[in-house]
Amino acid sequence: MKGVAISMLVMLAIVQLVVPGEAVDCGQVNSSLATCIPFLTGSDASPSASCCAGIKNIKTLAQTLADKRAACECIKTAAAHYPNIKDDAASSLPKRCGADINIPISKTTNCQAIN
């Protein structure tokens, strides 16, 4: 019986990861971008491998228009906490990581204009 319960929990976890419709949450976005802060603030000359993995994770998370807009709002809120983010680093980050996420990384983006 215990094995069946564990199997059911594992299957439920897998379904939650695979089934679309779950909104992107800011915790996911923030953890994906956390290692990018040194590059975004100018401490590092280029984004780290873990930063680029985070950018690619955001691309995977934000597949629908609603998810892209939600991720954009999360990015915008997170960016507001770091007043020393360099705009040129932020705008170039997805390209430098080879991941076109179609979500601007900026404090001033109009997220509702994303399509």
Protein backbone atom coordinates (compact mmCIF):
# COMPACT_ATOMS: atom_id res chain seq x y z
CA MET A 1 0.00 0.00 0.00
CA LYS A 2 2.83 2.38 0.87
CA GLY A 3 4.49 1.72 -2.51
CA VAL A 4 1.26 2.50 -4.34
CA ALA A 5 0.90 5.81 -2.51
CA ILE A 6 4.46 6.79 -3.35
CA SER A 7 3.94 5.82 -6.99
CA MET A 8 0.81 7.95 -7.13
CA LEU A 9 2.63 10.94 -5.65
CA VAL A 10 5.46 10.58 -8.16
CA MET A 11 2.98 10.38 -11.04
CA LEU A 12 1.15 13.46 -9.76
CA ALA A 13 4.44 15.38 -9.61
CA ILE A 14 5.29 14.36 -13.18
CA VAL A 15 1.85 15.36 -14.45
CA GLN A 16 2.18 18.77 -12.79
CA LEU A 17 5.50 19.33 -14.56
CA VAL A 18 4.17 18.25 -17.95
CA VAL A 19 0.62 19.62 -18.01
CA PRO A 20 0.44 23.14 -19.41
CA GLY A 21 -1.73 25.78 -17.81
CA GLU A 22 0.19 26.27 -14.59
CA ALA A 23 1.11 29.91 -14.39
CA VAL A 24 4.72 30.93 -14.20
CA ASP A 25 5.48 32.13 -10.70
CA CYS A 26 8.04 34.68 -9.64
CA GLY A 27 9.90 32.17 -7.47
CA GLN A 28 10.73 30.16 -10.58
CA VAL A 29 11.79 33.23 -12.52
CA ASN A 30 13.82 34.72 -9.66
CA SER A 31 15.71 31.49 -9.04
CA SER A 32 16.40 31.20 -12.77
CA LEU A 33 17.88 34.71 -12.87
CA ALA A 34 19.69 34.78 -9.52
CA THR A 35 23.05 33.75 -10.97
CA CYS A 36 22.78 36.48 -13.63
CA ILE A 37 23.05 39.35 -11.14
CA PRO A 38 26.86 39.65 -11.37
CA PHE A 39 26.64 40.04 -15.15
CA LEU A 40 23.62 42.35 -15.01
CA THR A 41 25.29 44.67 -12.50
CA GLY A 42 28.61 44.75 -14.33
CA SER A 43 30.64 42.66 -11.87
CA ASP A 44 31.15 39.94 -14.51
CA ALA A 45 32.03 40.65 -18.13
CA SER A 46 29.92 37.78 -19.45
CA PRO A 47 27.02 35.68 -18.19
CA SER A 48 27.93 32.45 -16.40
CA ALA A 49 26.88 29.02 -17.63
CA SER A 50 24.40 28.78 -14.75
CA CYS A 51 22.95 32.18 -15.68
CA CYS A 52 22.44 31.04 -19.27
CA ALA A 53 20.86 27.82 -18.03
CA GLY A 54 18.45 29.99 -16.04
CA ILE A 55 17.58 32.05 -19.12
CA LYS A 56 16.92 28.86 -21.06
CA ASN A 57 14.76 27.64 -18.17
CA ILE A 58 12.65 30.80 -18.41
CA LYS A 59 12.19 30.11 -22.12
CA THR A 60 10.96 26.62 -21.24
CA LEU A 61 8.64 27.93 -18.50
CA ALA A 62 7.10 30.75 -20.55
CA GLN A 63 5.55 29.08 -23.58
CA THR A 64 2.16 30.80 -23.69
CA LEU A 65 1.44 34.50 -24.03
CA ALA A 66 0.05 34.58 -20.48
CA ASP A 67 3.18 32.87 -19.15
CA LYS A 68 5.46 35.29 -21.04
CA ARG A 69 3.59 38.26 -19.60
CA ALA A 70 3.70 36.76 -16.10
CA ALA A 71 7.44 36.07 -16.42
CA CYS A 72 7.94 39.62 -17.71
CA GLU A 73 6.19 41.06 -14.64
CA CYS A 74 8.38 38.90 -12.40
CA ILE A 75 11.53 40.06 -14.20
CA LYS A 76 10.42 43.68 -14.00
CA THR A 77 9.74 43.40 -10.26
CA ALA A 78 13.04 41.63 -9.60
CA ALA A 79 14.97 44.19 -11.67
CA ALA A 80 13.50 47.01 -9.57
CA HIS A 81 15.31 45.56 -6.53
CA TYR A 82 18.68 46.08 -8.24
CA PRO A 83 19.03 49.76 -9.16
CA ASN A 84 22.53 49.17 -10.51
CA ILE A 85 21.47 46.80 -13.30
CA LYS A 86 23.09 47.87 -16.56
CA ASP A 87 20.47 48.31 -19.28
CA ASP A 88 22.82 47.17 -22.04
CA ALA A 89 23.72 44.00 -20.13
CA ALA A 90 20.05 43.28 -19.44
CA SER A 91 18.96 43.76 -23.04
CA SER A 92 21.83 41.65 -24.38
CA LEU A 93 21.53 38.78 -21.88
CA PRO A 94 19.19 36.45 -23.81
CA LYS A 95 21.23 36.81 -27.01
CA ARG A 96 24.52 36.33 -25.14
CA CYS A 97 23.07 33.11 -23.73
CA GLY A 98 21.78 31.94 -27.11
CA ALA A 99 18.18 31.86 -25.93
CA ASP A 100 15.67 34.18 -27.55
CA ILE A 101 13.06 34.33 -24.80
CA ASN A 102 10.99 37.17 -26.35
CA ILE A 103 10.76 38.77 -22.91
CA PRO A 104 12.68 42.00 -22.38
CA ILE A 105 14.80 42.09 -19.25
CA SER A 106 14.16 45.61 -18.03
CA LYS A 107 12.70 47.64 -15.18
CA THR A 108 10.51 49.60 -17.58
CA THR A 109 9.02 47.03 -19.94
CA ASN A 110 5.31 47.21 -20.70
CA CYS A 111 4.63 43.52 -20.18
CA GLN A 112 1.11 43.76 -21.57
CA ALA A 113 2.60 44.76 -24.94
CA ILE A 114 4.40 41.42 -25.27
CA ASN A 115 2.83 39.26 -27.96
